[in-house]
Amino acid sequence: MFQVLATVRERNRLQLNRAAIYNVAITPQGEELATTEDDDTIRLWNTSAEQIDQFPTGQGIVRSIAFSADGKQLATGGEDGSILIWTIRDRKIDLTQNQLRSSKLTKEKRPKGQF
């Protein structure tokens, strides 16, 4: 394990002037990051530490975030117990927890890379 860690090098450092960042998710392509803080807002960043956008989730504090394998969707889990799937391109909710529960969608039926 030490040999593996010895080969890891810092490519870039993202320094944000924020009091507390609760979660960080990075697109699989490594081009964008999503962060959450102590509010219901998702903030999107590029790897030069420039904020691209931000949008409220309506979930209270966002407790967890993750990008889909293709980087086009973002899943958020809120303190209110909700799970939302967002389309990154237009910052719109794609699926809600209730839709996920009642959906007959399986992995095989979803387009490759999506939740």
N, C-alpha and C. Protein backbone atom coordinates (compact mmCIF):
# COMPACT_ATOMS: atom_id res chain seq x y z
N MET A 1 0.82 -1.18 0.00
CA MET A 1 0.00 0.00 0.00
C MET A 1 0.87 1.25 0.00
N PHE A 2 1.97 1.24 0.70
CA PHE A 2 2.84 2.41 0.74
C PHE A 2 3.34 2.77 -0.65
N GLN A 3 3.65 1.76 -1.45
CA GLN A 3 4.14 2.03 -2.81
C GLN A 3 3.08 2.72 -3.65
N VAL A 4 1.84 2.31 -3.49
CA VAL A 4 0.75 2.96 -4.23
C VAL A 4 0.63 4.42 -3.81
N LEU A 5 0.63 4.67 -2.51
CA LEU A 5 0.51 6.04 -2.01
C LEU A 5 1.70 6.90 -2.41
N ALA A 6 2.85 6.30 -2.52
CA ALA A 6 4.04 7.06 -2.89
C ALA A 6 3.96 7.57 -4.32
N THR A 7 3.16 6.93 -5.16
CA THR A 7 3.04 7.37 -6.55
C THR A 7 1.93 8.39 -6.76
N VAL A 8 1.12 8.63 -5.75
CA VAL A 8 0.04 9.61 -5.87
C VAL A 8 0.62 11.01 -5.72
N ARG A 9 0.30 11.87 -6.67
CA ARG A 9 0.80 13.25 -6.63
C ARG A 9 -0.37 14.21 -6.75
N GLU A 10 -0.25 15.31 -6.08
CA GLU A 10 -1.28 16.34 -6.15
C GLU A 10 -1.23 17.00 -7.52
N ARG A 11 -2.38 17.02 -8.19
CA ARG A 11 -2.45 17.67 -9.50
C ARG A 11 -2.88 19.12 -9.37
N ASN A 12 -3.80 19.35 -8.47
CA ASN A 12 -4.32 20.69 -8.28
C ASN A 12 -4.92 20.77 -6.89
N ARG A 13 -4.97 21.95 -6.35
CA ARG A 13 -5.54 22.12 -5.02
C ARG A 13 -6.70 23.09 -5.12
N LEU A 14 -7.83 22.67 -4.63
CA LEU A 14 -9.02 23.50 -4.63
C LEU A 14 -9.14 24.11 -3.24
N GLN A 15 -8.96 25.41 -3.16
CA GLN A 15 -9.08 26.10 -1.88
C GLN A 15 -10.30 27.00 -1.93
N LEU A 16 -11.24 26.72 -1.07
CA LEU A 16 -12.48 27.47 -1.03
C LEU A 16 -12.55 28.26 0.27
N ASN A 17 -13.06 29.44 0.20
CA ASN A 17 -13.21 30.27 1.39
C ASN A 17 -14.56 30.01 2.03
N ARG A 18 -14.73 28.82 2.50
CA ARG A 18 -15.99 28.40 3.10
C ARG A 18 -15.72 27.96 4.54
N ALA A 19 -16.70 28.17 5.38
CA ALA A 19 -16.56 27.79 6.78
C ALA A 19 -16.48 26.27 6.93
N ALA A 20 -17.40 25.58 6.28
CA ALA A 20 -17.42 24.12 6.39
C ALA A 20 -18.02 23.53 5.13
N ILE A 21 -17.33 22.58 4.56
CA ILE A 21 -17.86 21.84 3.41
C ILE A 21 -18.23 20.46 3.93
N TYR A 22 -19.48 20.08 3.74
CA TYR A 22 -19.97 18.81 4.25
C TYR A 22 -19.66 17.64 3.31
N ASN A 23 -19.79 17.86 2.01
CA ASN A 23 -19.61 16.79 1.03
C ASN A 23 -18.93 17.32 -0.22
N VAL A 24 -18.19 16.45 -0.87
CA VAL A 24 -17.57 16.76 -2.16
C VAL A 24 -17.78 15.56 -3.06
N ALA A 25 -18.19 15.82 -4.29
CA ALA A 25 -18.28 14.78 -5.31
C ALA A 25 -17.56 15.29 -6.55
N ILE A 26 -16.84 14.40 -7.21
CA ILE A 26 -16.08 14.75 -8.40
C ILE A 26 -16.61 13.94 -9.56
N THR A 27 -16.79 14.59 -10.71
CA THR A 27 -17.25 13.84 -11.88
C THR A 27 -16.21 12.78 -12.23
N PRO A 28 -16.64 11.66 -12.78
CA PRO A 28 -15.68 10.62 -13.16
C PRO A 28 -14.60 11.12 -14.12
N GLN A 29 -14.94 12.13 -14.90
CA GLN A 29 -13.97 12.70 -15.83
C GLN A 29 -12.99 13.65 -15.12
N GLY A 30 -13.30 14.01 -13.87
CA GLY A 30 -12.43 14.87 -13.08
C GLY A 30 -12.47 16.33 -13.48
N GLU A 31 -13.52 16.75 -14.18
CA GLU A 31 -13.59 18.12 -14.67
C GLU A 31 -14.41 19.05 -13.80
N GLU A 32 -15.35 18.53 -13.03
CA GLU A 32 -16.20 19.35 -12.18
C GLU A 32 -16.33 18.72 -10.80
N LEU A 33 -16.61 19.59 -9.83
CA LEU A 33 -16.85 19.15 -8.46
C LEU A 33 -18.18 19.72 -8.01
N ALA A 34 -18.83 19.01 -7.11
CA ALA A 34 -20.03 19.51 -6.45
C ALA A 34 -19.74 19.51 -4.96
N THR A 35 -20.14 20.57 -4.27
CA THR A 35 -19.95 20.65 -2.83
C THR A 35 -21.27 21.01 -2.16
N THR A 36 -21.38 20.62 -0.89
CA THR A 36 -22.50 21.04 -0.07
C THR A 36 -21.95 21.63 1.22
N GLU A 37 -22.75 22.53 1.79
CA GLU A 37 -22.36 23.17 3.05
C GLU A 37 -23.50 23.01 4.04
N ASP A 38 -23.65 23.98 4.94
CA ASP A 38 -24.69 23.88 5.96
C ASP A 38 -26.00 24.53 5.52
N ASP A 39 -26.29 24.43 4.24
CA ASP A 39 -27.56 24.92 3.72
C ASP A 39 -28.08 23.91 2.70
N ASP A 40 -29.10 24.27 1.96
CA ASP A 40 -29.66 23.31 1.01
C ASP A 40 -29.17 23.57 -0.42
N THR A 41 -27.97 24.09 -0.54
CA THR A 41 -27.46 24.50 -1.84
C THR A 41 -26.34 23.59 -2.33
N ILE A 42 -26.42 23.22 -3.61
CA ILE A 42 -25.33 22.51 -4.29
C ILE A 42 -24.52 23.57 -5.02
N ARG A 43 -23.22 23.52 -4.87
CA ARG A 43 -22.34 24.43 -5.60
C ARG A 43 -21.48 23.61 -6.54
N LEU A 44 -21.42 24.05 -7.80
CA LEU A 44 -20.62 23.36 -8.81
C LEU A 44 -19.38 24.19 -9.10
N TRP A 45 -18.24 23.51 -9.22
CA TRP A 45 -16.94 24.15 -9.41
C TRP A 45 -16.21 23.48 -10.56
N ASN A 46 -15.33 24.25 -11.21
CA ASN A 46 -14.40 23.62 -12.13
C ASN A 46 -13.11 23.36 -11.36
N THR A 47 -12.16 22.72 -11.97
CA THR A 47 -10.94 22.35 -11.25
C THR A 47 -9.98 23.51 -11.04
N SER A 48 -10.35 24.70 -11.53
CA SER A 48 -9.56 25.91 -11.26
C SER A 48 -10.13 26.67 -10.07
N ALA A 49 -11.03 26.03 -9.32
CA ALA A 49 -11.67 26.59 -8.14
C ALA A 49 -12.59 27.76 -8.47
N GLU A 50 -13.11 27.79 -9.69
CA GLU A 50 -14.08 28.80 -10.08
C GLU A 50 -15.47 28.21 -9.94
N GLN A 51 -16.34 28.92 -9.22
CA GLN A 51 -17.70 28.43 -9.06
C GLN A 51 -18.44 28.60 -10.38
N ILE A 52 -18.99 27.50 -10.86
CA ILE A 52 -19.72 27.49 -12.13
C ILE A 52 -21.17 27.89 -11.91
N ASP A 53 -21.76 27.34 -10.87
CA ASP A 53 -23.18 27.55 -10.62
C ASP A 53 -23.51 27.11 -9.21
N GLN A 54 -24.69 27.46 -8.77
CA GLN A 54 -25.23 26.94 -7.51
C GLN A 54 -26.74 26.88 -7.66
N PHE A 55 -27.34 25.93 -6.94
CA PHE A 55 -28.79 25.82 -6.98
C PHE A 55 -29.29 25.18 -5.69
N PRO A 56 -30.46 25.65 -5.22
CA PRO A 56 -31.04 25.09 -3.99
C PRO A 56 -31.69 23.75 -4.28
N THR A 57 -31.67 22.88 -3.27
CA THR A 57 -32.29 21.57 -3.44
C THR A 57 -33.66 21.48 -2.78
N GLY A 58 -33.90 22.32 -1.77
CA GLY A 58 -35.15 22.22 -1.03
C GLY A 58 -35.17 21.05 -0.07
N GLN A 59 -34.01 20.46 0.22
CA GLN A 59 -33.92 19.27 1.06
C GLN A 59 -33.41 19.57 2.46
N GLY A 60 -33.21 20.83 2.80
CA GLY A 60 -32.51 21.14 4.04
C GLY A 60 -31.03 20.90 3.79
N ILE A 61 -30.29 20.59 4.82
CA ILE A 61 -28.86 20.31 4.64
C ILE A 61 -28.72 19.05 3.79
N VAL A 62 -27.90 19.13 2.75
CA VAL A 62 -27.65 17.97 1.89
C VAL A 62 -26.60 17.11 2.57
N ARG A 63 -26.96 15.87 2.88
CA ARG A 63 -26.09 14.97 3.63
C ARG A 63 -25.19 14.11 2.76
N SER A 64 -25.57 13.91 1.50
CA SER A 64 -24.74 13.09 0.62
C SER A 64 -24.96 13.50 -0.83
N ILE A 65 -23.89 13.39 -1.63
CA ILE A 65 -23.97 13.69 -3.05
C ILE A 65 -23.09 12.71 -3.81
N ALA A 66 -23.48 12.41 -5.05
CA ALA A 66 -22.68 11.53 -5.90
C ALA A 66 -23.05 11.78 -7.35
N PHE A 67 -22.03 11.80 -8.22
CA PHE A 67 -22.27 11.92 -9.65
C PHE A 67 -22.52 10.54 -10.24
N SER A 68 -23.30 10.51 -11.31
CA SER A 68 -23.48 9.27 -12.07
C SER A 68 -22.19 8.96 -12.81
N ALA A 69 -22.08 7.76 -13.33
CA ALA A 69 -20.86 7.34 -14.01
C ALA A 69 -20.53 8.19 -15.24
N ASP A 70 -21.57 8.75 -15.89
CA ASP A 70 -21.31 9.59 -17.05
C ASP A 70 -21.17 11.07 -16.68
N GLY A 71 -21.34 11.41 -15.40
CA GLY A 71 -21.19 12.78 -14.93
C GLY A 71 -22.32 13.71 -15.31
N LYS A 72 -23.40 13.18 -15.86
CA LYS A 72 -24.50 14.02 -16.32
C LYS A 72 -25.61 14.18 -15.28
N GLN A 73 -25.57 13.37 -14.24
CA GLN A 73 -26.57 13.43 -13.18
C GLN A 73 -25.88 13.50 -11.82
N LEU A 74 -26.61 14.06 -10.86
CA LEU A 74 -26.11 14.16 -9.49
C LEU A 74 -27.21 13.70 -8.56
N ALA A 75 -26.89 12.76 -7.67
CA ALA A 75 -27.84 12.30 -6.67
C ALA A 75 -27.57 13.06 -5.38
N THR A 76 -28.64 13.52 -4.72
CA THR A 76 -28.50 14.20 -3.44
C THR A 76 -29.41 13.54 -2.41
N GLY A 77 -28.90 13.42 -1.20
CA GLY A 77 -29.69 12.92 -0.08
C GLY A 77 -29.78 14.01 0.96
N GLY A 78 -30.99 14.41 1.32
CA GLY A 78 -31.18 15.54 2.23
C GLY A 78 -31.48 15.13 3.64
N GLU A 79 -31.33 16.10 4.55
CA GLU A 79 -31.65 15.85 5.95
C GLU A 79 -33.13 15.57 6.15
N ASP A 80 -33.96 15.93 5.17
CA ASP A 80 -35.38 15.65 5.25
C ASP A 80 -35.71 14.21 4.85
N GLY A 81 -34.68 13.42 4.52
CA GLY A 81 -34.87 12.03 4.16
C GLY A 81 -35.12 11.80 2.68
N SER A 82 -35.15 12.86 1.90
CA SER A 82 -35.43 12.72 0.47
C SER A 82 -34.17 12.40 -0.32
N ILE A 83 -34.38 11.74 -1.45
CA ILE A 83 -33.32 11.47 -2.42
C ILE A 83 -33.79 12.04 -3.74
N LEU A 84 -32.94 12.85 -4.37
CA LEU A 84 -33.27 13.46 -5.65
C LEU A 84 -32.17 13.17 -6.65
N ILE A 85 -32.54 12.96 -7.90
CA ILE A 85 -31.59 12.80 -8.99
C ILE A 85 -31.74 14.02 -9.89
N TRP A 86 -30.65 14.76 -10.05
CA TRP A 86 -30.64 16.00 -10.82
C TRP A 86 -29.95 15.80 -12.16
N THR A 87 -30.46 16.47 -13.19
CA THR A 87 -29.76 16.55 -14.47
C THR A 87 -28.85 17.77 -14.37
N ILE A 88 -27.56 17.57 -14.48
CA ILE A 88 -26.58 18.64 -14.30
C ILE A 88 -26.74 19.73 -15.35
N ARG A 89 -26.99 19.36 -16.58
CA ARG A 89 -27.05 20.32 -17.68
C ARG A 89 -28.04 21.46 -17.39
N ASP A 90 -29.25 21.12 -16.91
CA ASP A 90 -30.25 22.17 -16.70
C ASP A 90 -30.62 22.37 -15.23
N ARG A 91 -29.92 21.69 -14.32
CA ARG A 91 -30.15 21.84 -12.88
C ARG A 91 -31.60 21.53 -12.50
N LYS A 92 -32.20 20.57 -13.16
CA LYS A 92 -33.58 20.18 -12.90
C LYS A 92 -33.62 18.79 -12.27
N ILE A 93 -34.67 18.57 -11.47
CA ILE A 93 -34.86 17.25 -10.86
C ILE A 93 -35.30 16.28 -11.95
N ASP A 94 -34.58 15.18 -12.07
CA ASP A 94 -34.88 14.14 -13.05
C ASP A 94 -35.77 13.07 -12.42
N LEU A 95 -35.43 12.64 -11.22
CA LEU A 95 -36.20 11.63 -10.50
C LEU A 95 -36.26 11.98 -9.03
N THR A 96 -37.40 11.70 -8.41
CA THR A 96 -37.54 11.86 -6.96
C THR A 96 -37.52 10.49 -6.31
N GLN A 97 -37.42 10.49 -4.99
CA GLN A 97 -37.41 9.24 -4.24
C GLN A 97 -38.67 8.42 -4.52
N ASN A 98 -39.83 9.09 -4.57
CA ASN A 98 -41.07 8.37 -4.84
C ASN A 98 -41.07 7.76 -6.23
N GLN A 99 -40.54 8.49 -7.21
CA GLN A 99 -40.45 7.94 -8.56
C GLN A 99 -39.49 6.76 -8.60
N LEU A 100 -38.40 6.85 -7.84
CA LEU A 100 -37.45 5.75 -7.79
C LEU A 100 -38.08 4.51 -7.18
N ARG A 101 -38.87 4.71 -6.11
CA ARG A 101 -39.52 3.57 -5.44
C ARG A 101 -40.56 2.91 -6.33
N SER A 102 -41.37 3.73 -7.02
CA SER A 102 -42.46 3.17 -7.80
C SER A 102 -42.04 2.76 -9.20
N SER A 103 -40.82 3.11 -9.57
CA SER A 103 -40.34 2.83 -10.92
C SER A 103 -40.05 1.35 -11.11
N LYS A 104 -40.32 0.88 -12.30
CA LYS A 104 -39.97 -0.49 -12.68
C LYS A 104 -38.63 -0.51 -13.38
N LEU A 105 -37.95 0.64 -13.39
CA LEU A 105 -36.67 0.73 -14.08
C LEU A 105 -35.65 -0.18 -13.41
N THR A 106 -34.90 -0.85 -14.22
CA THR A 106 -33.79 -1.65 -13.72
C THR A 106 -32.52 -1.09 -14.32
N LYS A 107 -31.40 -1.55 -13.83
CA LYS A 107 -30.12 -1.10 -14.38
C LYS A 107 -30.05 -1.34 -15.88
N GLU A 108 -30.58 -2.45 -16.32
CA GLU A 108 -30.50 -2.79 -17.72
C GLU A 108 -31.34 -1.85 -18.58
N LYS A 109 -32.41 -1.29 -18.01
CA LYS A 109 -33.30 -0.43 -18.78
C LYS A 109 -32.87 1.03 -18.76
N ARG A 110 -32.01 1.41 -17.85
CA ARG A 110 -31.54 2.80 -17.78
C ARG A 110 -30.40 2.97 -18.77
N PRO A 111 -30.32 4.15 -19.39
CA PRO A 111 -29.18 4.40 -20.28
C PRO A 111 -27.87 4.24 -19.52
N LYS A 112 -26.86 3.78 -20.22
CA LYS A 112 -25.56 3.53 -19.61
C LYS A 112 -25.03 4.78 -18.92
N GLY A 113 -24.59 4.62 -17.70
CA GLY A 113 -23.98 5.72 -16.96
C GLY A 113 -24.94 6.49 -16.09
N GLN A 114 -26.25 6.25 -16.20
CA GLN A 114 -27.21 6.97 -15.38
C GLN A 114 -27.57 6.15 -14.16
N PHE A 115 -28.15 6.83 -13.17
CA PHE A 115 -28.58 6.16 -11.95
C PHE A 115 -29.75 5.26 -12.24
